[in-house]
């Protein structure tokens, strides 16, 4: 994600008594892979996120103006912490307006918050306090629930509309959106007769990193060798992540193109290992020859690899065509 999540709604400039809002940017930034499993940090002017957590901190100033001149101001930050659920379509978010620094005629500025979703399937329930004035810290909560049909996905983002009012003054406000999120119910057997995991939601623009190949010595050696050449597909920082392929027929076809089932291993107990994985859009012969390869690896490693990749798909809710990195 790039750009800012914010926009400002100002009072009409011709009004004699107005509330003017100045708001800082909240630039989306994916957390580093090292901190993806920890609590997401909160930093002013940023919207930091992982696959399941986000923290947006927006600095703002509300200026009270009479006859075109400032007569008071309130400075504060708004902090949003949202945590999605791997196996649930219900989640919540905390919203906190910090203690405001009030100067001049800034008392009695009341704040309102309206929350909507950019999808008809996503329903927010706003529990943020009403009728409070800037000054002391104000904390509240927003609950969310999404609905997705079998084998379907729903992408959305929350929209926050803040309004600031003061008796005798034309109101002002601003609005911005959360980091986009996606809910899905796509983890089913093929054919789709039973679920393999309950529906859930993620911040889908975050690209997760597969690390569990590191403890498979021969497989990780093969991946390192291939990632070192060609287009470096899947290597973090290469700009070319892998993308999940969920169709079983395509996966089998990808594997057979580079590891033909009739080929004989050089000795018993070995299996043909391919990279990029057959279960990716880059598998088979879908990338140039200098960016792919195979190796004979212990059969036991090969058996563990498939389960680890599937576990990774579920843990990160990686659906068909989703991007991911492979770190070895």
Protein backbone atom coordinates (compact mmCIF):
# COMPACT_ATOMS: atom_id res chain seq x y z
CA UNK A 1 0.00 0.00 0.00
CA UNK A 2 1.13 3.55 -0.75
CA UNK A 3 -0.26 7.05 -0.24
CA UNK A 4 -2.30 8.41 2.64
CA UNK A 5 -5.60 7.30 4.16
CA UNK A 6 -6.80 10.83 4.97
CA UNK A 7 -9.01 13.60 3.60
CA UNK A 8 -10.25 16.76 5.31
CA UNK A 9 -13.72 18.32 5.33
CA UNK A 10 -13.37 22.02 6.17
CA UNK A 11 -15.95 24.56 7.19
CA UNK A 12 -16.87 27.18 4.59
CA UNK A 13 -14.13 29.86 4.57
CA UNK A 14 -16.67 32.70 4.40
CA UNK A 15 -18.14 31.88 7.81
CA UNK A 16 -17.23 34.36 10.56
CA UNK A 17 -16.97 31.77 13.33
CA UNK A 18 -15.55 28.46 12.18
CA UNK A 19 -13.76 25.34 13.29
CA UNK A 20 -10.77 24.53 11.10
CA UNK A 21 -9.18 21.08 11.18
CA UNK A 22 -5.56 20.40 10.30
CA UNK A 23 -4.71 16.71 10.16
CA UNK A 24 -1.45 14.89 9.52
CA UNK A 25 -0.95 11.98 7.15
CA UNK A 26 -1.33 8.32 8.06
CA UNK A 27 0.94 6.53 5.61
CA UNK A 28 0.35 2.76 5.29
CA UNK A 29 3.44 0.72 6.11
CA UNK A 30 3.75 -3.06 6.34
CA UNK A 31 5.56 -4.19 9.48
CA UNK A 32 8.84 -6.03 9.01
CA UNK A 33 8.70 -9.81 8.81
CA UNK A 34 10.71 -10.00 12.05
CA UNK A 35 7.96 -8.16 13.96
CA UNK A 36 5.00 -9.77 12.20
CA UNK A 37 4.31 -12.16 15.08
CA UNK A 38 4.60 -9.47 17.78
CA UNK A 39 2.19 -6.71 18.71
CA UNK A 40 2.16 -4.17 15.91
CA UNK A 41 3.90 -0.89 16.86
CA UNK A 42 2.05 2.43 16.87
CA UNK A 43 3.77 5.51 15.42
CA UNK A 44 2.38 8.97 14.80
CA UNK A 45 1.57 9.61 11.16
CA UNK A 46 1.69 5.95 10.17
CA UNK A 47 -0.70 3.05 9.59
CA UNK A 48 1.45 0.04 10.46
CA UNK A 49 0.02 -3.40 9.81
CA UNK A 50 0.70 -7.12 9.68
CA UNK A 51 -1.53 -9.91 8.38
CA UNK A 52 -3.87 -9.66 11.40
CA UNK A 53 -3.10 -6.40 13.24
CA UNK A 54 -3.01 -2.72 12.40
CA UNK A 55 -2.34 0.50 14.29
CA UNK A 56 -3.15 3.90 12.81
CA UNK A 57 -2.04 7.07 14.62
CA UNK A 58 -3.36 10.36 13.21
CA UNK A 59 -2.12 13.71 14.60
CA UNK A 60 -4.69 16.50 14.40
CA UNK A 61 -5.26 20.13 15.37
CA UNK A 62 -8.66 21.77 15.68
CA UNK A 63 -8.49 25.57 15.46
CA UNK A 64 -11.31 27.83 16.62
CA UNK A 65 -11.53 30.93 14.39
CA UNK A 66 -13.57 34.11 14.78
CA UNK A 67 -13.63 36.75 12.06
CA UNK A 68 -10.84 34.88 10.29
CA UNK A 69 -8.48 34.91 13.28
CA UNK A 70 -7.58 31.95 15.54
CA UNK A 71 -8.92 32.31 19.08
CA UNK A 72 -8.18 28.80 20.35
CA UNK A 73 -6.84 25.38 19.42
CA UNK A 74 -6.84 21.75 20.51
CA UNK A 75 -4.00 19.36 19.59
CA UNK A 76 -4.36 15.59 19.94
CA UNK A 77 -3.83 12.23 18.24
CA UNK A 78 -6.32 9.54 17.25
CA UNK A 79 -5.13 5.94 17.64
CA UNK A 80 -6.88 2.93 16.09
CA UNK A 81 -5.90 -0.63 16.97
CA UNK A 82 -7.67 -3.30 14.91
CA UNK A 83 -7.15 -7.05 15.30
CA UNK A 84 -8.64 -9.45 12.75
CA UNK A 85 -9.38 -13.11 13.45
CA UNK A 86 -7.97 -16.08 11.55
CA UNK A 87 -11.08 -18.19 12.11
CA UNK A 88 -13.89 -15.70 12.71
CA UNK A 89 -15.86 -13.09 10.79
CA UNK A 90 -16.24 -11.01 13.97
CA UNK A 91 -13.54 -8.69 15.27
CA UNK A 92 -13.11 -5.39 17.10
CA UNK A 93 -11.13 -2.19 17.11
CA UNK A 94 -10.17 0.25 19.85
CA UNK A 95 -10.32 3.98 19.11
CA UNK A 96 -8.61 6.49 21.40
CA UNK A 97 -8.41 10.27 21.23
CA UNK A 98 -5.48 11.36 23.37
CA UNK A 99 -5.64 14.02 26.04
CA UNK A 100 -5.87 17.26 24.07
CA UNK A 101 -3.69 20.30 24.61
CA UNK A 102 -6.20 23.15 24.81
CA UNK A 103 -5.25 26.76 24.18
CA UNK A 104 -7.45 29.86 24.28
CA UNK A 105 -11.14 29.43 23.51
CA UNK A 106 -10.92 25.69 22.81
CA UNK A 107 -13.13 24.34 25.56
CA UNK A 108 -16.45 22.79 24.64
CA UNK A 109 -15.40 21.33 21.27
CA UNK A 110 -17.46 18.19 20.97
CA UNK A 111 -16.31 15.26 18.85
CA UNK A 112 -18.45 12.78 16.92
CA UNK A 113 -17.42 9.61 15.09
CA UNK A 114 -19.34 7.79 12.36
CA UNK A 115 -17.98 4.45 11.07
CA UNK A 116 -19.00 2.73 7.84
CA UNK A 117 -17.62 -0.08 5.69
CA UNK A 118 -16.96 -0.05 1.97
CA UNK A 119 -18.93 -3.27 1.58
CA UNK A 120 -22.58 -4.13 2.08
CA UNK A 121 -21.51 -7.37 3.81
CA UNK A 122 -19.40 -5.64 6.47
CA UNK A 123 -21.39 -4.23 9.41
CA UNK A 124 -19.73 -1.99 12.04
CA UNK A 125 -21.28 -1.39 15.46
CA UNK A 126 -20.01 1.90 16.84
CA UNK A 127 -19.46 1.95 20.62
CA UNK A 128 -17.43 5.17 20.66
CA UNK A 129 -18.75 7.64 23.30
CA UNK A 130 -21.08 10.38 22.08
CA UNK A 131 -21.19 14.02 23.11
CA UNK A 132 -17.71 14.15 24.66
CA UNK A 133 -15.59 17.29 24.53
CA UNK A 134 -11.92 17.43 23.59
CA UNK A 135 -9.69 17.65 26.65
CA UNK A 136 -9.54 14.42 28.65
CA UNK A 137 -8.67 11.19 26.84
CA UNK A 138 -11.65 9.59 25.07
CA UNK A 139 -11.64 5.84 24.44
CA UNK A 140 -14.16 3.64 22.69
CA UNK A 141 -14.65 0.56 20.60
CA UNK A 142 -16.02 -0.50 17.22
CA UNK A 143 -17.21 -4.06 16.62
CA UNK A 144 -17.37 -5.55 13.14
CA UNK A 145 -19.03 -8.51 11.48
CA UNK A 146 -18.70 -9.65 7.87
CA UNK A 147 -20.60 -12.19 5.79
CA UNK A 148 -19.12 -14.28 3.00
CA UNK A 149 -20.70 -17.04 0.94
CA UNK A 150 -19.14 -20.45 0.44
CA UNK A 151 -15.90 -20.23 -1.59
CA UNK A 152 -16.24 -16.42 -1.77
CA UNK A 153 -14.24 -13.39 -0.57
CA UNK A 154 -15.25 -9.90 0.56
CA UNK A 155 -12.80 -6.99 0.55
CA UNK A 156 -13.49 -3.72 2.36
CA UNK A 157 -12.09 -1.02 4.62
CA UNK A 158 -13.58 0.92 7.49
CA UNK A 159 -14.26 4.62 6.91
CA UNK A 160 -14.06 6.98 9.90
CA UNK A 161 -15.82 10.35 9.74
CA UNK A 162 -14.92 12.70 12.61
CA UNK A 163 -16.91 15.88 13.20
CA UNK A 164 -16.06 18.71 15.60
CA UNK A 165 -18.72 21.11 16.82
CA UNK A 166 -18.83 24.09 19.18
CA UNK A 167 -21.81 26.26 19.99
CA UNK A 168 -21.87 29.32 17.75
CA UNK A 169 -19.30 27.97 15.28
CA UNK A 170 -19.58 26.29 11.89
CA UNK A 171 -18.38 22.67 12.37
CA UNK A 172 -15.37 21.03 10.73
CA UNK A 173 -14.13 17.50 10.33
CA UNK A 174 -12.03 14.96 8.51
CA UNK A 175 -12.29 11.37 7.37
CA UNK A 176 -9.97 8.49 6.55
CA UNK A 177 -10.01 4.76 6.02
CA UNK A 178 -8.53 1.76 7.73
CA UNK A 179 -5.99 -0.51 6.10
CA UNK A 180 -8.00 -2.63 3.60
CA UNK A 181 -9.04 -6.05 4.87
CA UNK A 182 -10.49 -9.18 3.29
CA UNK A 183 -12.70 -11.92 4.68
CA UNK A 184 -13.06 -15.30 2.98
CA UNK A 185 -14.64 -18.74 3.19
CA UNK A 186 -12.39 -20.46 0.65
CA UNK A 187 -10.71 -23.21 2.65
CA UNK A 188 -12.64 -26.27 1.47
CA UNK A 189 -11.79 -29.70 0.17
CA UNK A 190 -11.76 -30.26 -3.61
CA UNK A 191 -14.52 -30.86 -4.57
CA UNK A 192 -16.06 -28.48 -2.02
CA UNK A 193 -17.82 -30.93 0.27
CA UNK A 194 -16.38 -29.89 3.64
CA UNK A 195 -14.43 -27.01 5.16
CA UNK A 196 -10.78 -27.41 6.07
CA UNK A 197 -10.89 -24.14 8.08
CA UNK A 198 -13.57 -21.75 9.28
CA UNK A 199 -14.00 -18.34 7.58
CA UNK A 200 -11.77 -15.51 8.74
CA UNK A 201 -10.20 -12.19 7.81
CA UNK A 202 -6.75 -10.69 7.07
CA UNK A 203 -5.10 -7.47 5.98
CA UNK A 204 -4.49 -8.97 2.56
CA UNK A 205 -2.04 -6.36 1.25
CA UNK A 206 0.50 -7.58 3.80
CA UNK A 207 2.78 -10.19 2.18
CA UNK A 208 3.71 -12.91 4.72
CA UNK A 209 6.97 -14.88 4.78
CA UNK A 210 7.26 -18.68 4.75
CA UNK A 211 10.17 -19.66 7.04
CA UNK A 212 9.49 -23.32 7.86
CA UNK A 213 11.59 -24.60 4.94
CA UNK A 214 14.69 -23.51 6.88
CA UNK A 215 14.72 -26.68 9.00
CA UNK A 216 14.59 -28.98 5.95
CA UNK A 217 18.32 -29.04 5.04
CA UNK A 218 18.28 -30.35 1.48
CA UNK A 219 15.09 -28.57 0.46
CA UNK A 220 16.32 -25.23 1.84
CA UNK A 221 19.66 -25.77 0.06
CA UNK A 222 17.82 -26.25 -3.24
CA UNK A 223 15.69 -23.14 -2.66
CA UNK A 224 18.74 -21.01 -1.83
CA UNK A 225 20.50 -22.17 -4.99
CA UNK A 226 17.56 -21.28 -7.22
CA UNK A 227 16.74 -18.00 -5.48
CA UNK A 228 20.36 -16.90 -6.00
CA UNK A 229 19.94 -16.90 -9.79
CA UNK A 230 17.55 -15.69 -12.45
CA UNK A 231 14.72 -13.52 -11.20
CA UNK A 232 15.23 -14.52 -7.52
CA UNK A 233 11.56 -15.52 -7.33
CA UNK A 234 10.19 -15.67 -3.79
CA UNK A 235 13.28 -14.23 -2.12
CA UNK A 236 12.40 -11.36 0.24
CA UNK A 237 13.46 -8.06 -1.28
CA UNK A 238 13.50 -9.36 -4.86
CA UNK A 239 10.24 -7.67 -5.81
CA UNK A 240 8.99 -11.01 -7.16
CA UNK A 241 6.96 -12.90 -4.54
CA UNK A 242 5.40 -16.28 -5.21
CA UNK A 243 1.61 -16.54 -5.56
CA UNK A 244 -0.52 -19.41 -4.35
CA UNK A 245 -2.10 -21.76 -6.89
CA UNK A 246 -5.11 -23.49 -5.33
CA UNK A 247 -6.33 -25.64 -8.23
CA UNK A 248 -5.27 -29.25 -7.63
CA UNK A 249 -5.15 -30.12 -11.34
CA UNK A 250 -2.88 -27.19 -12.06
CA UNK A 251 -0.65 -28.10 -9.12
CA UNK A 252 -0.27 -31.67 -10.42
CA UNK A 253 0.43 -30.39 -13.92
CA UNK A 254 3.05 -27.96 -12.61
CA UNK A 255 4.84 -30.73 -10.74
CA UNK A 256 4.73 -33.23 -13.61
CA UNK A 257 6.32 -30.71 -15.98
CA UNK A 258 9.50 -30.48 -13.90
CA UNK A 259 9.42 -33.70 -11.87
CA UNK A 260 7.98 -36.32 -14.27
CA UNK A 261 6.39 -39.18 -12.31
CA UNK A 262 8.25 -41.83 -14.34
CA UNK A 263 11.75 -40.59 -13.61
CA UNK A 264 13.83 -42.80 -11.34
CA UNK A 265 15.76 -41.37 -8.36
CA UNK A 266 19.51 -42.05 -8.26
CA UNK A 267 18.98 -44.14 -5.13
CA UNK A 268 16.07 -45.25 -2.93
CA UNK A 269 14.66 -42.80 -0.38
CA UNK A 270 14.99 -39.71 -2.59
CA UNK A 271 12.28 -37.57 -4.15
CA UNK A 272 12.30 -34.85 -6.81
CA UNK A 273 11.90 -31.41 -5.24
CA UNK A 274 10.96 -28.41 -7.38
CA UNK A 275 11.19 -24.68 -6.81
CA UNK A 276 9.18 -22.53 -7.25
CA UNK A 277 6.68 -24.84 -5.57
CA UNK A 278 4.14 -26.62 -7.77
CA UNK A 279 1.42 -25.04 -5.60
CA UNK A 280 2.32 -21.55 -6.86
CA UNK A 281 1.48 -19.60 -9.99
CA UNK A 282 5.22 -19.57 -10.69
CA UNK A 283 5.47 -23.37 -10.47
CA UNK A 284 6.13 -25.80 -13.31
CA UNK A 285 7.56 -23.98 -16.32
CA UNK A 286 5.79 -20.67 -15.66
CA UNK A 287 9.03 -18.76 -15.01
CA UNK A 288 12.22 -18.70 -17.12
CA UNK A 289 14.53 -21.70 -16.91
CA UNK A 290 17.19 -19.73 -15.02
CA UNK A 291 14.63 -18.97 -12.27
CA UNK A 292 13.54 -22.54 -11.53
CA UNK A 293 15.09 -25.90 -10.80
CA UNK A 294 14.88 -29.30 -9.14
CA UNK A 295 16.97 -31.45 -6.82
CA UNK A 296 16.84 -34.93 -5.31
CA UNK A 297 16.02 -34.60 -1.62
CA UNK A 298 15.24 -37.09 1.16
CA UNK A 299 11.71 -38.44 0.82
CA UNK A 300 11.04 -37.63 4.48
CA UNK A 301 11.80 -33.95 3.87
CA UNK A 302 9.53 -33.94 0.85
CA UNK A 303 6.67 -35.38 2.88
CA UNK A 304 7.10 -32.72 5.56
CA UNK A 305 7.30 -29.89 3.05
CA UNK A 306 3.76 -30.27 1.71
CA UNK A 307 2.21 -30.20 5.16
CA UNK A 308 4.22 -27.17 6.18
CA UNK A 309 3.16 -25.22 3.11
CA UNK A 310 -0.50 -26.08 3.73
CA UNK A 311 -0.17 -25.05 7.38
CA UNK A 312 1.35 -21.74 6.26
CA UNK A 313 -1.55 -21.16 3.83
CA UNK A 314 -4.04 -21.64 6.66
CA UNK A 315 -2.14 -19.71 9.31
CA UNK A 316 -1.88 -16.67 7.04
CA UNK A 317 -5.15 -17.26 5.17
CA UNK A 318 -3.34 -17.26 1.83
CA UNK A 319 -5.99 -17.76 -0.84
CA UNK A 320 -5.64 -18.40 -4.57
CA UNK A 321 -3.29 -15.82 -6.18
CA UNK A 322 -2.15 -14.35 -2.83
CA UNK A 323 1.51 -13.34 -2.67
CA UNK A 324 4.09 -14.62 -0.18
CA UNK A 325 7.85 -14.75 0.32
CA UNK A 326 10.09 -17.74 1.04
CA UNK A 327 12.99 -17.13 3.44
CA UNK A 328 15.65 -19.82 3.78
